[in-house]
Amino acid sequence: MKDLLGLMGKAKEMQAKFQAMQDEIATLEASGQAGGGLVNVTLTGKFEMKSLKIDPSLFK
């Protein structure tokens, strides 16, 4: 029984650490580019698009 309680405690601890990491990742931003810089995108840690810039020359 003691081992089960210890295991449950470890699981809760890991869950809290995982949530803390998710919260930290949510504050990050990542940028990337393609086509020699003609297309630029910035995403948040939640994979939400923050900005997208497409060079007008690509629309011709």
PDB file of N, CA and C in Angstrom:
ATOM      1  N   MET A   1       0.822  -1.196   0.000  1.00  0.00           N
ATOM      2  CA  MET A   1       0.000   0.000   0.000  1.00  0.00           C
ATOM      3  C   MET A   1       0.865   1.259   0.000  1.00  0.00           C
ATOM      4  N   LYS A   2       1.967   1.190   0.743  1.00  0.00           N
ATOM      5  CA  LYS A   2       2.868   2.331   0.821  1.00  0.00           C
ATOM      6  C   LYS A   2       3.471   2.636  -0.553  1.00  0.00           C
ATOM      7  N   ASP A   3       3.790   1.575  -1.306  1.00  0.00           N
ATOM      8  CA  ASP A   3       4.349   1.755  -2.643  1.00  0.00           C
ATOM      9  C   ASP A   3       3.344   2.417  -3.575  1.00  0.00           C
ATOM     10  N   LEU A   4       2.081   2.061  -3.439  1.00  0.00           N
ATOM     11  CA  LEU A   4       1.031   2.639  -4.273  1.00  0.00           C
ATOM     12  C   LEU A   4       0.874   4.128  -3.982  1.00  0.00           C
ATOM     13  N   LEU A   5       0.920   4.498  -2.713  1.00  0.00           N
ATOM     14  CA  LEU A   5       0.824   5.912  -2.346  1.00  0.00           C
ATOM     15  C   LEU A   5       2.027   6.689  -2.865  1.00  0.00           C
ATOM     16  N   GLY A   6       3.197   6.081  -2.779  1.00  0.00           N
ATOM     17  CA  GLY A   6       4.398   6.722  -3.308  1.00  0.00           C
ATOM     18  C   GLY A   6       4.312   6.907  -4.808  1.00  0.00           C
ATOM     19  N   LEU A   7       3.797   5.897  -5.485  1.00  0.00           N
ATOM     20  CA  LEU A   7       3.638   5.966  -6.935  1.00  0.00           C
ATOM     21  C   LEU A   7       2.637   7.049  -7.325  1.00  0.00           C
ATOM     22  N   MET A   8       1.555   7.147  -6.580  1.00  0.00           N
ATOM     23  CA  MET A   8       0.557   8.183  -6.856  1.00  0.00           C
ATOM     24  C   MET A   8       1.139   9.574  -6.615  1.00  0.00           C
ATOM     25  N   GLY A   9       1.957   9.703  -5.596  1.00  0.00           N
ATOM     26  CA  GLY A   9       2.616  10.977  -5.319  1.00  0.00           C
ATOM     27  C   GLY A   9       3.554  11.373  -6.442  1.00  0.00           C
ATOM     28  N   LYS A  10       4.312  10.398  -6.941  1.00  0.00           N
ATOM     29  CA  LYS A  10       5.228  10.661  -8.063  1.00  0.00           C
ATOM     30  C   LYS A  10       4.448  11.075  -9.310  1.00  0.00           C
ATOM     31  N   ALA A  11       3.307  10.416  -9.545  1.00  0.00           N
ATOM     32  CA  ALA A  11       2.483  10.738 -10.714  1.00  0.00           C
ATOM     33  C   ALA A  11       1.974  12.174 -10.626  1.00  0.00           C
ATOM     34  N   LYS A  12       1.546  12.599  -9.450  1.00  0.00           N
ATOM     35  CA  LYS A  12       1.071  13.979  -9.275  1.00  0.00           C
ATOM     36  C   LYS A  12       2.209  14.973  -9.478  1.00  0.00           C
ATOM     37  N   GLU A  13       3.382  14.621  -8.989  1.00  0.00           N
ATOM     38  CA  GLU A  13       4.559  15.479  -9.150  1.00  0.00           C
ATOM     39  C   GLU A  13       4.908  15.632 -10.628  1.00  0.00           C
ATOM     40  N   MET A  14       4.891  14.525 -11.352  1.00  0.00           N
ATOM     41  CA  MET A  14       5.191  14.566 -12.786  1.00  0.00           C
ATOM     42  C   MET A  14       4.134  15.373 -13.530  1.00  0.00           C
ATOM     43  N   GLN A  15       2.882  15.237 -13.136  1.00  0.00           N
ATOM     44  CA  GLN A  15       1.798  15.978 -13.770  1.00  0.00           C
ATOM     45  C   GLN A  15       1.992  17.483 -13.561  1.00  0.00           C
ATOM     46  N   ALA A  16       2.398  17.883 -12.375  1.00  0.00           N
ATOM     47  CA  ALA A  16       2.636  19.298 -12.083  1.00  0.00           C
ATOM     48  C   ALA A  16       3.804  19.830 -12.904  1.00  0.00           C
ATOM     49  N   LYS A  17       4.872  19.044 -13.025  1.00  0.00           N
ATOM     50  CA  LYS A  17       6.023  19.459 -13.834  1.00  0.00           C
ATOM     51  C   LYS A  17       5.636  19.583 -15.301  1.00  0.00           C
ATOM     52  N   PHE A  18       4.833  18.646 -15.787  1.00  0.00           N
ATOM     53  CA  PHE A  18       4.384  18.678 -17.173  1.00  0.00           C
ATOM     54  C   PHE A  18       3.553  19.931 -17.432  1.00  0.00           C
ATOM     55  N   GLN A  19       2.670  20.279 -16.511  1.00  0.00           N
ATOM     56  CA  GLN A  19       1.844  21.479 -16.663  1.00  0.00           C
ATOM     57  C   GLN A  19       2.716  22.729 -16.659  1.00  0.00           C
ATOM     58  N   ALA A  20       3.718  22.772 -15.795  1.00  0.00           N
ATOM     59  CA  ALA A  20       4.624  23.920 -15.742  1.00  0.00           C
ATOM     60  C   ALA A  20       5.379  24.070 -17.058  1.00  0.00           C
ATOM     61  N   MET A  21       5.805  22.950 -17.640  1.00  0.00           N
ATOM     62  CA  MET A  21       6.503  23.009 -18.930  1.00  0.00           C
ATOM     63  C   MET A  21       5.563  23.491 -20.028  1.00  0.00           C
ATOM     64  N   GLN A  22       4.316  23.019 -20.023  1.00  0.00           N
ATOM     65  CA  GLN A  22       3.346  23.471 -21.020  1.00  0.00           C
ATOM     66  C   GLN A  22       3.106  24.970 -20.896  1.00  0.00           C
ATOM     67  N   ASP A  23       3.006  25.471 -19.681  1.00  0.00           N
ATOM     68  CA  ASP A  23       2.804  26.901 -19.458  1.00  0.00           C
ATOM     69  C   ASP A  23       3.990  27.706 -19.978  1.00  0.00           C
ATOM     70  N   GLU A  24       5.195  27.201 -19.753  1.00  0.00           N
ATOM     71  CA  GLU A  24       6.392  27.895 -20.233  1.00  0.00           C
ATOM     72  C   GLU A  24       6.456  27.879 -21.760  1.00  0.00           C
ATOM     73  N   ILE A  25       6.168  26.749 -22.362  1.00  0.00           N
ATOM     74  CA  ILE A  25       6.188  26.635 -23.822  1.00  0.00           C
ATOM     75  C   ILE A  25       5.170  27.581 -24.449  1.00  0.00           C
ATOM     76  N   ALA A  26       4.028  27.766 -23.809  1.00  0.00           N
ATOM     77  CA  ALA A  26       2.976  28.634 -24.343  1.00  0.00           C
ATOM     78  C   ALA A  26       3.452  30.075 -24.492  1.00  0.00           C
ATOM     79  N   THR A  27       4.460  30.479 -23.725  1.00  0.00           N
ATOM     80  CA  THR A  27       4.956  31.857 -23.792  1.00  0.00           C
ATOM     81  C   THR A  27       6.008  32.052 -24.877  1.00  0.00           C
ATOM     82  N   LEU A  28       6.479  30.973 -25.476  1.00  0.00           N
ATOM     83  CA  LEU A  28       7.534  31.061 -26.481  1.00  0.00           C
ATOM     84  C   LEU A  28       6.974  31.400 -27.853  1.00  0.00           C
ATOM     85  N   GLU A  29       7.842  31.934 -28.712  1.00  0.00           N
ATOM     86  CA  GLU A  29       7.511  32.172 -30.111  1.00  0.00           C
ATOM     87  C   GLU A  29       8.636  31.615 -30.963  1.00  0.00           C
ATOM     88  N   ALA A  30       8.267  31.123 -32.136  1.00  0.00           N
ATOM     89  CA  ALA A  30       9.261  30.604 -33.074  1.00  0.00           C
ATOM     90  C   ALA A  30       8.960  31.185 -34.443  1.00  0.00           C
ATOM     91  N   SER A  31      10.014  31.574 -35.150  1.00  0.00           N
ATOM     92  CA  SER A  31       9.865  32.135 -36.491  1.00  0.00           C
ATOM     93  C   SER A  31      10.607  31.269 -37.488  1.00  0.00           C
ATOM     94  N   GLY A  32      10.087  31.252 -38.695  1.00  0.00           N
ATOM     95  CA  GLY A  32      10.736  30.504 -39.764  1.00  0.00           C
ATOM     96  C   GLY A  32      10.509  31.202 -41.083  1.00  0.00           C
ATOM     97  N   GLN A  33      11.329  30.832 -42.050  1.00  0.00           N
ATOM     98  CA  GLN A  33      11.181  31.432 -43.368  1.00  0.00           C
ATOM     99  C   GLN A  33      11.407  30.393 -44.444  1.00  0.00           C
ATOM    100  N   ALA A  34      10.892  30.694 -45.614  1.00  0.00           N
ATOM    101  CA  ALA A  34      11.049  29.809 -46.766  1.00  0.00           C
ATOM    102  C   ALA A  34      11.207  30.674 -48.007  1.00  0.00           C
ATOM    103  N   GLY A  35      11.643  30.044 -49.061  1.00  0.00           N
ATOM    104  CA  GLY A  35      11.779  30.761 -50.331  1.00  0.00           C
ATOM    105  C   GLY A  35      12.775  31.897 -50.269  1.00  0.00           C
ATOM    106  N   GLY A  36      13.865  31.681 -49.560  1.00  0.00           N
ATOM    107  CA  GLY A  36      14.889  32.722 -49.474  1.00  0.00           C
ATOM    108  C   GLY A  36      14.411  33.965 -48.742  1.00  0.00           C
ATOM    109  N   GLY A  37      13.478  33.787 -47.821  1.00  0.00           N
ATOM    110  CA  GLY A  37      12.979  34.917 -47.045  1.00  0.00           C
ATOM    111  C   GLY A  37      11.731  35.559 -47.626  1.00  0.00           C
ATOM    112  N   LEU A  38      11.194  34.985 -48.698  1.00  0.00           N
ATOM    113  CA  LEU A  38       9.991  35.553 -49.307  1.00  0.00           C
ATOM    114  C   LEU A  38       8.730  35.245 -48.501  1.00  0.00           C
ATOM    115  N   VAL A  39       8.784  34.203 -47.693  1.00  0.00           N
ATOM    116  CA  VAL A  39       7.661  33.852 -46.818  1.00  0.00           C
ATOM    117  C   VAL A  39       8.208  33.723 -45.398  1.00  0.00           C
ATOM    118  N   ASN A  40       7.601  34.458 -44.472  1.00  0.00           N
ATOM    119  CA  ASN A  40       8.008  34.428 -43.062  1.00  0.00           C
ATOM    120  C   ASN A  40       6.788  34.163 -42.194  1.00  0.00           C
ATOM    121  N   VAL A  41       6.953  33.313 -41.199  1.00  0.00           N
ATOM    122  CA  VAL A  41       5.853  32.989 -40.294  1.00  0.00           C
ATOM    123  C   VAL A  41       6.372  32.962 -38.857  1.00  0.00           C
ATOM    124  N   THR A  42       5.525  33.401 -37.933  1.00  0.00           N
ATOM    125  CA  THR A  42       5.827  33.333 -36.506  1.00  0.00           C
ATOM    126  C   THR A  42       4.673  32.610 -35.824  1.00  0.00           C
ATOM    127  N   LEU A  43       5.024  31.596 -35.032  1.00  0.00           N
ATOM    128  CA  LEU A  43       4.030  30.811 -34.298  1.00  0.00           C
ATOM    129  C   LEU A  43       4.277  30.939 -32.802  1.00  0.00           C
ATOM    130  N   THR A  44       3.210  30.796 -32.027  1.00  0.00           N
ATOM    131  CA  THR A  44       3.347  30.761 -30.574  1.00  0.00           C
ATOM    132  C   THR A  44       3.617  29.321 -30.148  1.00  0.00           C
ATOM    133  N   GLY A  45       3.911  29.150 -28.887  1.00  0.00           N
ATOM    134  CA  GLY A  45       4.124  27.813 -28.348  1.00  0.00           C
ATOM    135  C   GLY A  45       2.877  26.946 -28.370  1.00  0.00           C
ATOM    136  N   LYS A  46       1.728  27.572 -28.607  1.00  0.00           N
ATOM    137  CA  LYS A  46       0.470  26.832 -28.735  1.00  0.00           C
ATOM    138  C   LYS A  46       0.138  26.562 -30.201  1.00  0.00           C
ATOM    139  N   PHE A  47       1.110  26.776 -31.077  1.00  0.00           N
ATOM    140  CA  PHE A  47       0.967  26.568 -32.518  1.00  0.00           C
ATOM    141  C   PHE A  47      -0.061  27.506 -33.145  1.00  0.00           C
ATOM    142  N   GLU A  48      -0.262  28.675 -32.544  1.00  0.00           N
ATOM    143  CA  GLU A  48      -1.128  29.686 -33.126  1.00  0.00           C
ATOM    144  C   GLU A  48      -0.265  30.617 -33.963  1.00  0.00           C
ATOM    145  N   MET A  49      -0.751  30.965 -35.165  1.00  0.00           N
ATOM    146  CA  MET A  49       0.015  31.836 -36.042  1.00  0.00           C
ATOM    147  C   MET A  49      -0.097  33.277 -35.545  1.00  0.00           C
ATOM    148  N   LYS A  50       1.044  33.878 -35.270  1.00  0.00           N
ATOM    149  CA  LYS A  50       1.072  35.255 -34.799  1.00  0.00           C
ATOM    150  C   LYS A  50       1.259  36.214 -35.965  1.00  0.00           C
ATOM    151  N   SER A  51       2.068  35.813 -36.938  1.00  0.00           N
ATOM    152  CA  SER A  51       2.237  36.653 -38.119  1.00  0.00           C
ATOM    153  C   SER A  51       2.610  35.796 -39.324  1.00  0.00           C
ATOM    154  N   LEU A  52       2.214  36.287 -40.474  1.00  0.00           N
ATOM    155  CA  LEU A  52       2.552  35.662 -41.748  1.00  0.00           C
ATOM    156  C   LEU A  52       2.821  36.778 -42.730  1.00  0.00           C
ATOM    157  N   LYS A  53       4.009  36.780 -43.295  1.00  0.00           N
ATOM    158  CA  LYS A  53       4.378  37.802 -44.275  1.00  0.00           C
ATOM    159  C   LYS A  53       4.780  37.103 -45.566  1.00  0.00           C
ATOM    160  N   ILE A  54       4.110  37.475 -46.634  1.00  0.00           N
ATOM    161  CA  ILE A  54       4.393  36.911 -47.953  1.00  0.00           C
ATOM    162  C   ILE A  54       4.796  38.060 -48.860  1.00  0.00           C
ATOM    163  N   ASP A  55       5.948  37.939 -49.479  1.00  0.00           N
ATOM    164  CA  ASP A  55       6.432  38.979 -50.374  1.00  0.00           C
ATOM    165  C   ASP A  55       5.441  39.153 -51.527  1.00  0.00           C
ATOM    166  N   PRO A  56       5.066  40.394 -51.832  1.00  0.00           N
ATOM    167  CA  PRO A  56       4.098  40.650 -52.905  1.00  0.00           C
ATOM    168  C   PRO A  56       4.522  40.105 -54.268  1.00  0.00           C
ATOM    169  N   SER A  57       5.805  39.930 -54.489  1.00  0.00           N
ATOM    170  CA  SER A  57       6.265  39.416 -55.788  1.00  0.00           C
ATOM    171  C   SER A  57       5.761  37.999 -56.051  1.00  0.00           C
ATOM    172  N   LEU A  58       5.375  37.296 -55.010  1.00  0.00           N
ATOM    173  CA  LEU A  58       4.869  35.932 -55.182  1.00  0.00           C
ATOM    174  C   LEU A  58       3.440  35.904 -55.718  1.00  0.00           C
ATOM    175  N   PHE A  59       2.761  37.031 -55.684  1.00  0.00           N
ATOM    176  CA  PHE A  59       1.384  37.095 -56.163  1.00  0.00           C
ATOM    177  C   PHE A  59       1.280  37.494 -57.628  1.00  0.00           C
ATOM    178  N   LYS A  60       2.408  37.735 -58.272  1.00  0.00           N
ATOM    179  CA  LYS A  60       2.387  38.166 -59.684  1.00  0.00           C
ATOM    180  C   LYS A  60       2.302  36.984 -60.602  1.00  0.00           C
TER     181      LYS A  60
END
